[in-house]
Amino acid sequence: MNIRSKLLLLAGMSLAACTEMATTGTASNGSRFLPDLPESVRAIAAPGQNLDQVVFLEDDNCYWYEHAGPVETTLLPLRTARGNAICAEQPTAPAAPAAT
């Protein structure tokens, strides 16, 4: 196999590995984006982010928004003005009863 064939094979495998990020459910209208972003999240979100196209991912308990760039459209973490990701608190596991 020559170098060109190997590069084409590698490029094909790299593209096949690209997958769309999973979201948690869909809105009632079939959209994957949240129909109503909580007001508390809107209040702390930095300007310049698309608050109409937001998803909540249970994988990391964070909000992500769809960014349409010049080359591709992708999900980016929704951030505060200070640059922190906007996430929900992780649910805490109930404490195990003490052994007697």
PDB file of N, CA and C in Angstrom:
ATOM      1  N   MET A   1       0.863  -1.176   0.000  1.00  0.00           N
ATOM      2  CA  MET A   1       0.000   0.000   0.000  1.00  0.00           C
ATOM      3  C   MET A   1       0.902   1.229   0.000  1.00  0.00           C
ATOM      4  N   ASN A   2       0.644   2.142  -0.901  1.00  0.00           N
ATOM      5  CA  ASN A   2       1.516   3.311  -0.961  1.00  0.00           C
ATOM      6  C   ASN A   2       1.082   4.382   0.043  1.00  0.00           C
ATOM      7  N   ILE A   3       1.891   5.393   0.193  1.00  0.00           N
ATOM      8  CA  ILE A   3       1.658   6.454   1.186  1.00  0.00           C
ATOM      9  C   ILE A   3       0.337   7.165   0.930  1.00  0.00           C
ATOM     10  N   ARG A   4       0.021   7.445  -0.329  1.00  0.00           N
ATOM     11  CA  ARG A   4      -1.210   8.174  -0.646  1.00  0.00           C
ATOM     12  C   ARG A   4      -2.444   7.381  -0.199  1.00  0.00           C
ATOM     13  N   SER A   5      -2.440   6.099  -0.454  1.00  0.00           N
ATOM     14  CA  SER A   5      -3.567   5.249  -0.042  1.00  0.00           C
ATOM     15  C   SER A   5      -3.700   5.213   1.477  1.00  0.00           C
ATOM     16  N   LYS A   6      -2.576   5.155   2.174  1.00  0.00           N
ATOM     17  CA  LYS A   6      -2.610   5.145   3.636  1.00  0.00           C
ATOM     18  C   LYS A   6      -3.167   6.449   4.175  1.00  0.00           C
ATOM     19  N   LEU A   7      -2.773   7.571   3.562  1.00  0.00           N
ATOM     20  CA  LEU A   7      -3.290   8.868   4.013  1.00  0.00           C
ATOM     21  C   LEU A   7      -4.790   8.987   3.774  1.00  0.00           C
ATOM     22  N   LEU A   8      -5.253   8.503   2.619  1.00  0.00           N
ATOM     23  CA  LEU A   8      -6.688   8.543   2.342  1.00  0.00           C
ATOM     24  C   LEU A   8      -7.464   7.671   3.325  1.00  0.00           C
ATOM     25  N   LEU A   9      -6.936   6.508   3.631  1.00  0.00           N
ATOM     26  CA  LEU A   9      -7.574   5.615   4.595  1.00  0.00           C
ATOM     27  C   LEU A   9      -7.630   6.270   5.978  1.00  0.00           C
ATOM     28  N   LEU A  10      -6.531   6.883   6.385  1.00  0.00           N
ATOM     29  CA  LEU A  10      -6.477   7.560   7.677  1.00  0.00           C
ATOM     30  C   LEU A  10      -7.460   8.722   7.732  1.00  0.00           C
ATOM     31  N   ALA A  11      -7.550   9.500   6.656  1.00  0.00           N
ATOM     32  CA  ALA A  11      -8.488  10.619   6.610  1.00  0.00           C
ATOM     33  C   ALA A  11      -9.926  10.123   6.710  1.00  0.00           C
ATOM     34  N   GLY A  12     -10.240   9.033   6.008  1.00  0.00           N
ATOM     35  CA  GLY A  12     -11.588   8.468   6.066  1.00  0.00           C
ATOM     36  C   GLY A  12     -11.941   7.978   7.457  1.00  0.00           C
ATOM     37  N   MET A  13     -10.980   7.340   8.115  1.00  0.00           N
ATOM     38  CA  MET A  13     -11.232   6.851   9.469  1.00  0.00           C
ATOM     39  C   MET A  13     -11.412   8.014  10.434  1.00  0.00           C
ATOM     40  N   SER A  14     -10.668   9.082  10.239  1.00  0.00           N
ATOM     41  CA  SER A  14     -10.789  10.251  11.109  1.00  0.00           C
ATOM     42  C   SER A  14     -12.165  10.881  10.969  1.00  0.00           C
ATOM     43  N   LEU A  15     -12.650  11.008   9.746  1.00  0.00           N
ATOM     44  CA  LEU A  15     -13.968  11.590   9.529  1.00  0.00           C
ATOM     45  C   LEU A  15     -15.069  10.693  10.067  1.00  0.00           C
ATOM     46  N   ALA A  16     -14.893   9.402   9.968  1.00  0.00           N
ATOM     47  CA  ALA A  16     -15.903   8.470  10.470  1.00  0.00           C
ATOM     48  C   ALA A  16     -16.007   8.534  11.985  1.00  0.00           C
ATOM     49  N   ALA A  17     -14.954   8.966  12.647  1.00  0.00           N
ATOM     50  CA  ALA A  17     -14.955   9.041  14.106  1.00  0.00           C
ATOM     51  C   ALA A  17     -15.722  10.245  14.614  1.00  0.00           C
ATOM     52  N   CYS A  18     -16.014  11.207  13.744  1.00  0.00           N
ATOM     53  CA  CYS A  18     -16.756  12.399  14.168  1.00  0.00           C
ATOM     54  C   CYS A  18     -18.214  12.033  14.411  1.00  0.00           C
ATOM     55  N   THR A  19     -18.716  12.394  15.578  1.00  0.00           N
ATOM     56  CA  THR A  19     -20.115  12.123  15.888  1.00  0.00           C
ATOM     57  C   THR A  19     -20.739  13.366  16.476  1.00  0.00           C
ATOM     58  N   GLU A  20     -22.021  13.467  16.378  1.00  0.00           N
ATOM     59  CA  GLU A  20     -22.747  14.594  16.951  1.00  0.00           C
ATOM     60  C   GLU A  20     -22.899  14.375  18.445  1.00  0.00           C
ATOM     61  N   MET A  21     -22.788  15.453  19.212  1.00  0.00           N
ATOM     62  CA  MET A  21     -22.935  15.344  20.661  1.00  0.00           C
ATOM     63  C   MET A  21     -24.365  14.949  21.007  1.00  0.00           C
ATOM     64  N   ALA A  22     -24.500  14.090  21.977  1.00  0.00           N
ATOM     65  CA  ALA A  22     -25.822  13.648  22.410  1.00  0.00           C
ATOM     66  C   ALA A  22     -26.492  14.727  23.248  1.00  0.00           C
ATOM     67  N   THR A  23     -27.797  14.805  23.129  1.00  0.00           N
ATOM     68  CA  THR A  23     -28.560  15.734  23.948  1.00  0.00           C
ATOM     69  C   THR A  23     -29.562  14.945  24.760  1.00  0.00           C
ATOM     70  N   THR A  24     -30.132  15.588  25.728  1.00  0.00           N
ATOM     71  CA  THR A  24     -31.096  14.899  26.579  1.00  0.00           C
ATOM     72  C   THR A  24     -32.494  15.189  26.083  1.00  0.00           C
ATOM     73  N   GLY A  25     -33.039  14.280  25.302  1.00  0.00           N
ATOM     74  CA  GLY A  25     -34.407  14.415  24.840  1.00  0.00           C
ATOM     75  C   GLY A  25     -34.573  15.489  23.794  1.00  0.00           C
ATOM     76  N   THR A  26     -35.830  15.761  23.482  1.00  0.00           N
ATOM     77  CA  THR A  26     -36.141  16.795  22.515  1.00  0.00           C
ATOM     78  C   THR A  26     -37.275  17.642  23.053  1.00  0.00           C
ATOM     79  N   ALA A  27     -37.390  18.834  22.513  1.00  0.00           N
ATOM     80  CA  ALA A  27     -38.481  19.725  22.891  1.00  0.00           C
ATOM     81  C   ALA A  27     -39.774  19.195  22.279  1.00  0.00           C
ATOM     82  N   SER A  28     -40.904  19.733  22.710  1.00  0.00           N
ATOM     83  CA  SER A  28     -42.199  19.256  22.228  1.00  0.00           C
ATOM     84  C   SER A  28     -42.366  19.460  20.724  1.00  0.00           C
ATOM     85  N   ASN A  29     -41.638  20.423  20.146  1.00  0.00           N
ATOM     86  CA  ASN A  29     -41.747  20.663  18.713  1.00  0.00           C
ATOM     87  C   ASN A  29     -40.762  19.812  17.914  1.00  0.00           C
ATOM     88  N   GLY A  30     -40.078  18.866  18.555  1.00  0.00           N
ATOM     89  CA  GLY A  30     -39.139  17.984  17.875  1.00  0.00           C
ATOM     90  C   GLY A  30     -37.717  18.503  17.830  1.00  0.00           C
ATOM     91  N   SER A  31     -37.495  19.722  18.283  1.00  0.00           N
ATOM     92  CA  SER A  31     -36.152  20.298  18.303  1.00  0.00           C
ATOM     93  C   SER A  31     -35.353  19.689  19.442  1.00  0.00           C
ATOM     94  N   ARG A  32     -34.049  19.594  19.261  1.00  0.00           N
ATOM     95  CA  ARG A  32     -33.205  19.072  20.338  1.00  0.00           C
ATOM     96  C   ARG A  32     -32.881  20.155  21.362  1.00  0.00           C
ATOM     97  N   PHE A  33     -33.216  21.389  21.058  1.00  0.00           N
ATOM     98  CA  PHE A  33     -32.897  22.501  21.945  1.00  0.00           C
ATOM     99  C   PHE A  33     -33.995  22.713  22.986  1.00  0.00           C
ATOM    100  N   LEU A  34     -33.589  23.280  24.134  1.00  0.00           N
ATOM    101  CA  LEU A  34     -34.548  23.545  25.205  1.00  0.00           C
ATOM    102  C   LEU A  34     -35.569  24.578  24.738  1.00  0.00           C
ATOM    103  N   PRO A  35     -36.855  24.315  24.970  1.00  0.00           N
ATOM    104  CA  PRO A  35     -37.870  25.287  24.552  1.00  0.00           C
ATOM    105  C   PRO A  35     -37.826  26.552  25.407  1.00  0.00           C
ATOM    106  N   ASP A  36     -37.497  26.412  26.685  1.00  0.00           N
ATOM    107  CA  ASP A  36     -37.426  27.558  27.595  1.00  0.00           C
ATOM    108  C   ASP A  36     -36.171  27.433  28.448  1.00  0.00           C
ATOM    109  N   LEU A  37     -35.220  28.327  28.217  1.00  0.00           N
ATOM    110  CA  LEU A  37     -34.010  28.355  29.020  1.00  0.00           C
ATOM    111  C   LEU A  37     -34.353  28.981  30.360  1.00  0.00           C
ATOM    112  N   PRO A  38     -33.969  28.358  31.481  1.00  0.00           N
ATOM    113  CA  PRO A  38     -34.290  28.941  32.785  1.00  0.00           C
ATOM    114  C   PRO A  38     -33.788  30.386  32.900  1.00  0.00           C
ATOM    115  N   GLU A  39     -34.602  31.230  33.507  1.00  0.00           N
ATOM    116  CA  GLU A  39     -34.261  32.647  33.641  1.00  0.00           C
ATOM    117  C   GLU A  39     -32.963  32.833  34.419  1.00  0.00           C
ATOM    118  N   SER A  40     -32.695  31.967  35.395  1.00  0.00           N
ATOM    119  CA  SER A  40     -31.454  32.081  36.169  1.00  0.00           C
ATOM    120  C   SER A  40     -30.233  31.847  35.279  1.00  0.00           C
ATOM    121  N   VAL A  41     -30.359  30.970  34.294  1.00  0.00           N
ATOM    122  CA  VAL A  41     -29.259  30.717  33.359  1.00  0.00           C
ATOM    123  C   VAL A  41     -29.098  31.907  32.413  1.00  0.00           C
ATOM    124  N   ARG A  42     -30.215  32.428  31.912  1.00  0.00           N
ATOM    125  CA  ARG A  42     -30.162  33.613  31.036  1.00  0.00           C
ATOM    126  C   ARG A  42     -29.480  34.780  31.732  1.00  0.00           C
ATOM    127  N   ALA A  43     -29.748  34.932  33.025  1.00  0.00           N
ATOM    128  CA  ALA A  43     -29.223  36.081  33.767  1.00  0.00           C
ATOM    129  C   ALA A  43     -27.705  36.045  33.900  1.00  0.00           C
ATOM    130  N   ILE A  44     -27.115  34.859  33.976  1.00  0.00           N
ATOM    131  CA  ILE A  44     -25.667  34.799  34.187  1.00  0.00           C
ATOM    132  C   ILE A  44     -24.880  34.495  32.917  1.00  0.00           C
ATOM    133  N   ALA A  45     -25.569  34.205  31.812  1.00  0.00           N
ATOM    134  CA  ALA A  45     -24.878  33.884  30.557  1.00  0.00           C
ATOM    135  C   ALA A  45     -24.215  35.134  29.986  1.00  0.00           C
ATOM    136  N   ALA A  46     -22.991  34.963  29.506  1.00  0.00           N
ATOM    137  CA  ALA A  46     -22.258  36.065  28.881  1.00  0.00           C
ATOM    138  C   ALA A  46     -22.931  36.453  27.567  1.00  0.00           C
ATOM    139  N   PRO A  47     -22.791  37.701  27.181  1.00  0.00           N
ATOM    140  CA  PRO A  47     -23.368  38.124  25.897  1.00  0.00           C
ATOM    141  C   PRO A  47     -22.631  37.460  24.727  1.00  0.00           C
ATOM    142  N   GLY A  48     -23.287  37.442  23.571  1.00  0.00           N
ATOM    143  CA  GLY A  48     -22.669  36.903  22.373  1.00  0.00           C
ATOM    144  C   GLY A  48     -22.849  35.411  22.180  1.00  0.00           C
ATOM    145  N   GLN A  49     -23.662  34.781  23.022  1.00  0.00           N
ATOM    146  CA  GLN A  49     -23.930  33.351  22.899  1.00  0.00           C
ATOM    147  C   GLN A  49     -25.373  33.173  22.431  1.00  0.00           C
ATOM    148  N   ASN A  50     -25.633  32.163  21.658  1.00  0.00           N
ATOM    149  CA  ASN A  50     -26.958  31.912  21.111  1.00  0.00           C
ATOM    150  C   ASN A  50     -27.843  31.254  22.166  1.00  0.00           C
ATOM    151  N   LEU A  51     -28.611  32.049  22.884  1.00  0.00           N
ATOM    152  CA  LEU A  51     -29.458  31.522  23.959  1.00  0.00           C
ATOM    153  C   LEU A  51     -30.748  30.893  23.446  1.00  0.00           C
ATOM    154  N   ASP A  52     -30.974  30.967  22.139  1.00  0.00           N
ATOM    155  CA  ASP A  52     -32.161  30.334  21.558  1.00  0.00           C
ATOM    156  C   ASP A  52     -31.884  28.895  21.139  1.00  0.00           C
ATOM    157  N   GLN A  53     -30.636  28.497  21.113  1.00  0.00           N
ATOM    158  CA  GLN A  53     -30.244  27.159  20.675  1.00  0.00           C
ATOM    159  C   GLN A  53     -29.387  26.509  21.756  1.00  0.00           C
ATOM    160  N   VAL A  54     -30.007  26.194  22.905  1.00  0.00           N
ATOM    161  CA  VAL A  54     -29.282  25.647  24.055  1.00  0.00           C
ATOM    162  C   VAL A  54     -29.782  24.246  24.363  1.00  0.00           C
ATOM    163  N   VAL A  55     -28.851  23.357  24.694  1.00  0.00           N
ATOM    164  CA  VAL A  55     -29.179  22.004  25.137  1.00  0.00           C
ATOM    165  C   VAL A  55     -28.553  21.798  26.516  1.00  0.00           C
ATOM    166  N   PHE A  56     -29.120  20.880  27.278  1.00  0.00           N
ATOM    167  CA  PHE A  56     -28.557  20.491  28.567  1.00  0.00           C
ATOM    168  C   PHE A  56     -28.099  19.051  28.424  1.00  0.00           C
ATOM    169  N   LEU A  57     -26.813  18.815  28.646  1.00  0.00           N
ATOM    170  CA  LEU A  57     -26.259  17.475  28.509  1.00  0.00           C
ATOM    171  C   LEU A  57     -26.101  16.840  29.879  1.00  0.00           C
ATOM    172  N   GLU A  58     -26.741  15.692  30.061  1.00  0.00           N
ATOM    173  CA  GLU A  58     -26.644  14.984  31.341  1.00  0.00           C
ATOM    174  C   GLU A  58     -25.259  14.390  31.556  1.00  0.00           C
ATOM    175  N   ASP A  59     -24.493  14.223  30.484  1.00  0.00           N
ATOM    176  CA  ASP A  59     -23.143  13.657  30.608  1.00  0.00           C
ATOM    177  C   ASP A  59     -22.287  14.482  31.560  1.00  0.00           C
ATOM    178  N   ASP A  60     -22.425  15.810  31.478  1.00  0.00           N
ATOM    179  CA  ASP A  60     -21.608  16.684  32.324  1.00  0.00           C
ATOM    180  C   ASP A  60     -22.442  17.664  33.148  1.00  0.00           C
ATOM    181  N   ASN A  61     -23.779  17.571  33.049  1.00  0.00           N
ATOM    182  CA  ASN A  61     -24.700  18.472  33.764  1.00  0.00           C
ATOM    183  C   ASN A  61     -24.472  19.928  33.407  1.00  0.00           C
ATOM    184  N   CYS A  62     -24.104  20.195  32.163  1.00  0.00           N
ATOM    185  CA  CYS A  62     -23.827  21.567  31.731  1.00  0.00           C
ATOM    186  C   CYS A  62     -24.711  21.952  30.547  1.00  0.00           C
ATOM    187  N   TYR A  63     -24.860  23.259  30.381  1.00  0.00           N
ATOM    188  CA  TYR A  63     -25.595  23.814  29.256  1.00  0.00           C
ATOM    189  C   TYR A  63     -24.618  24.084  28.124  1.00  0.00           C
ATOM    190  N   TRP A  64     -25.040  23.778  26.890  1.00  0.00           N
ATOM    191  CA  TRP A  64     -24.240  23.982  25.695  1.00  0.00           C
ATOM    192  C   TRP A  64     -25.093  24.737  24.688  1.00  0.00           C
ATOM    193  N   TYR A  65     -24.474  25.614  23.901  1.00  0.00           N
ATOM    194  CA  TYR A  65     -25.223  26.345  22.886  1.00  0.00           C
ATOM    195  C   TYR A  65     -24.645  26.060  21.505  1.00  0.00           C
ATOM    196  N   GLU A  66     -25.478  26.212  20.495  1.00  0.00           N
ATOM    197  CA  GLU A  66     -25.039  25.968  19.128  1.00  0.00           C
ATOM    198  C   GLU A  66     -24.375  27.222  18.580  1.00  0.00           C
ATOM    199  N   HIS A  67     -23.130  27.077  18.181  1.00  0.00           N
ATOM    200  CA  HIS A  67     -22.358  28.180  17.603  1.00  0.00           C
ATOM    201  C   HIS A  67     -22.186  27.910  16.117  1.00  0.00           C
ATOM    202  N   ALA A  68     -22.654  28.833  15.294  1.00  0.00           N
ATOM    203  CA  ALA A  68     -22.504  28.704  13.844  1.00  0.00           C
ATOM    204  C   ALA A  68     -21.294  29.522  13.425  1.00  0.00           C
ATOM    205  N   GLY A  69     -20.181  28.853  13.227  1.00  0.00           N
ATOM    206  CA  GLY A  69     -18.948  29.512  12.824  1.00  0.00           C
ATOM    207  C   GLY A  69     -18.828  29.570  11.313  1.00  0.00           C
ATOM    208  N   PRO A  70     -17.743  30.168  10.822  1.00  0.00           N
ATOM    209  CA  PRO A  70     -17.564  30.297   9.374  1.00  0.00           C
ATOM    210  C   PRO A  70     -17.316  28.954   8.684  1.00  0.00           C
ATOM    211  N   VAL A  71     -16.846  27.967   9.412  1.00  0.00           N
ATOM    212  CA  VAL A  71     -16.523  26.681   8.809  1.00  0.00           C
ATOM    213  C   VAL A  71     -17.515  25.595   9.211  1.00  0.00           C
ATOM    214  N   GLU A  72     -17.918  25.585  10.486  1.00  0.00           N
ATOM    215  CA  GLU A  72     -18.806  24.531  10.955  1.00  0.00           C
ATOM    216  C   GLU A  72     -19.726  25.051  12.050  1.00  0.00           C
ATOM    217  N   THR A  73     -20.776  24.298  12.286  1.00  0.00           N
ATOM    218  CA  THR A  73     -21.689  24.574  13.383  1.00  0.00           C
ATOM    219  C   THR A  73     -21.448  23.506  14.434  1.00  0.00           C
ATOM    220  N   THR A  74     -21.228  23.937  15.677  1.00  0.00           N
ATOM    221  CA  THR A  74     -20.885  22.997  16.737  1.00  0.00           C
ATOM    222  C   THR A  74     -21.470  23.462  18.052  1.00  0.00           C
ATOM    223  N   LEU A  75     -21.504  22.569  19.029  1.00  0.00           N
ATOM    224  CA  LEU A  75     -21.941  22.931  20.367  1.00  0.00           C
ATOM    225  C   LEU A  75     -20.740  23.417  21.167  1.00  0.00           C
ATOM    226  N   LEU A  76     -20.928  24.524  21.873  1.00  0.00           N
ATOM    227  CA  LEU A  76     -19.914  25.068  22.770  1.00  0.00           C
ATOM    228  C   LEU A  76     -20.516  25.207  24.153  1.00  0.00           C
ATOM    229  N   PRO A  77     -19.704  25.124  25.206  1.00  0.00           N
ATOM    230  CA  PRO A  77     -20.254  25.286  26.553  1.00  0.00           C
ATOM    231  C   PRO A  77     -20.769  26.703  26.763  1.00  0.00           C
ATOM    232  N   LEU A  78     -21.945  26.813  27.355  1.00  0.00           N
ATOM    233  CA  LEU A  78     -22.508  28.107  27.717  1.00  0.00           C
ATOM    234  C   LEU A  78     -21.708  28.632  28.891  1.00  0.00           C
ATOM    235  N   ARG A  79     -21.252  29.877  28.799  1.00  0.00           N
ATOM    236  CA  ARG A  79     -20.341  30.423  29.806  1.00  0.00           C
ATOM    237  C   ARG A  79     -20.869  31.711  30.413  1.00  0.00           C
ATOM    238  N   THR A  80     -20.371  31.987  31.624  1.00  0.00           N
ATOM    239  CA  THR A  80     -20.674  33.243  32.297  1.00  0.00           C
ATOM    240  C   THR A  80     -19.739  34.320  31.755  1.00  0.00           C
ATOM    241  N   ALA A  81     -19.949  35.554  32.176  1.00  0.00           N
ATOM    242  CA  ALA A  81     -19.077  36.651  31.749  1.00  0.00           C
ATOM    243  C   ALA A  81     -17.638  36.438  32.220  1.00  0.00           C
ATOM    244  N   ARG A  82     -17.441  35.693  33.288  1.00  0.00           N
ATOM    245  CA  ARG A  82     -16.090  35.404  33.792  1.00  0.00           C
ATOM    246  C   ARG A  82     -15.461  34.201  33.105  1.00  0.00           C
ATOM    247  N   GLY A  83     -16.199  33.535  32.220  1.00  0.00           N
ATOM    248  CA  GLY A  83     -15.653  32.416  31.466  1.00  0.00           C
ATOM    249  C   GLY A  83     -15.921  31.049  32.055  1.00  0.00           C
ATOM    250  N   ASN A  84     -16.674  30.986  33.134  1.00  0.00           N
ATOM    251  CA  ASN A  84     -16.989  29.692  33.753  1.00  0.00           C
ATOM    252  C   ASN A  84     -18.141  29.022  33.014  1.00  0.00           C
ATOM    253  N   ALA A  85     -18.056  27.711  32.852  1.00  0.00           N
ATOM    254  CA  ALA A  85     -19.152  26.960  32.240  1.00  0.00           C
ATOM    255  C   ALA A  85     -20.367  26.998  33.165  1.00  0.00           C
ATOM    256  N   ILE A  86     -21.552  27.048  32.570  1.00  0.00           N
ATOM    257  CA  ILE A  86     -22.790  27.065  33.354  1.00  0.00           C
ATOM    258  C   ILE A  86     -23.286  25.633  33.461  1.00  0.00           C
ATOM    259  N   CYS A  87     -23.238  25.095  34.672  1.00  0.00           N
ATOM    260  CA  CYS A  87     -23.610  23.705  34.926  1.00  0.00           C
ATOM    261  C   CYS A  87     -24.549  23.634  36.127  1.00  0.00           C
ATOM    262  N   ALA A  88     -25.327  22.556  36.163  1.00  0.00           N
ATOM    263  CA  ALA A  88     -26.170  22.290  37.321  1.00  0.00           C
ATOM    264  C   ALA A  88     -25.324  21.542  38.340  1.00  0.00           C
ATOM    265  N   GLU A  89     -25.734  21.617  39.589  1.00  0.00           N
ATOM    266  CA  GLU A  89     -25.015  20.874  40.626  1.00  0.00           C
ATOM    267  C   GLU A  89     -25.179  19.389  40.390  1.00  0.00           C
ATOM    268  N   GLN A  90     -24.118  18.652  40.640  1.00  0.00           N
ATOM    269  CA  GLN A  90     -24.182  17.201  40.534  1.00  0.00           C
ATOM    270  C   GLN A  90     -25.075  16.679  41.647  1.00  0.00           C
ATOM    271  N   PRO A  91     -25.999  15.765  41.329  1.00  0.00           N
ATOM    272  CA  PRO A  91     -26.827  15.205  42.396  1.00  0.00           C
ATOM    273  C   PRO A  91     -25.942  14.402  43.355  1.00  0.00           C
ATOM    274  N   THR A  92     -26.218  14.574  44.618  1.00  0.00           N
ATOM    275  CA  THR A  92     -25.422  13.858  45.623  1.00  0.00           C
ATOM    276  C   THR A  92     -26.102  12.524  45.924  1.00  0.00           C
ATOM    277  N   ALA A  93     -25.300  11.514  46.090  1.00  0.00           N
ATOM    278  CA  ALA A  93     -25.820  10.190  46.440  1.00  0.00           C
ATOM    279  C   ALA A  93     -26.284  10.200  47.880  1.00  0.00           C
ATOM    280  N   PRO A  94     -27.395   9.535  48.170  1.00  0.00           N
ATOM    281  CA  PRO A  94     -27.845   9.492  49.562  1.00  0.00           C
ATOM    282  C   PRO A  94     -26.805   8.774  50.440  1.00  0.00           C
ATOM    283  N   ALA A  95     -26.666   9.274  51.623  1.00  0.00           N
ATOM    284  CA  ALA A  95     -25.706   8.690  52.546  1.00  0.00           C
ATOM    285  C   ALA A  95     -26.147   7.286  52.925  1.00  0.00           C
ATOM    286  N   ALA A  96     -25.185   6.392  52.994  1.00  0.00           N
ATOM    287  CA  ALA A  96     -25.489   5.017  53.392  1.00  0.00           C
ATOM    288  C   ALA A  96     -25.770   4.985  54.885  1.00  0.00           C
ATOM    289  N   PRO A  97     -26.723   4.171  55.317  1.00  0.00           N
ATOM    290  CA  PRO A  97     -27.009   4.100  56.755  1.00  0.00           C
ATOM    291  C   PRO A  97     -25.788   3.534  57.496  1.00  0.00           C
ATOM    292  N   ALA A  98     -25.576   4.047  58.670  1.00  0.00           N
ATOM    293  CA  ALA A  98     -24.434   3.618  59.485  1.00  0.00           C
ATOM    294  C   ALA A  98     -24.649   2.189  59.952  1.00  0.00           C
ATOM    295  N   ALA A  99     -23.579   1.414  59.873  1.00  0.00           N
ATOM    296  CA  ALA A  99     -23.646   0.031  60.335  1.00  0.00           C
ATOM    297  C   ALA A  99     -23.551  -0.005  61.839  1.00  0.00           C
ATOM    298  N   THR A 100     -24.337  -0.857  62.451  1.00  0.00           N
ATOM    299  CA  THR A 100     -24.305  -0.951  63.918  1.00  0.00           C
ATOM    300  C   THR A 100     -23.743  -2.253  64.378  1.00  0.00           C
TER     301      THR A 100
END
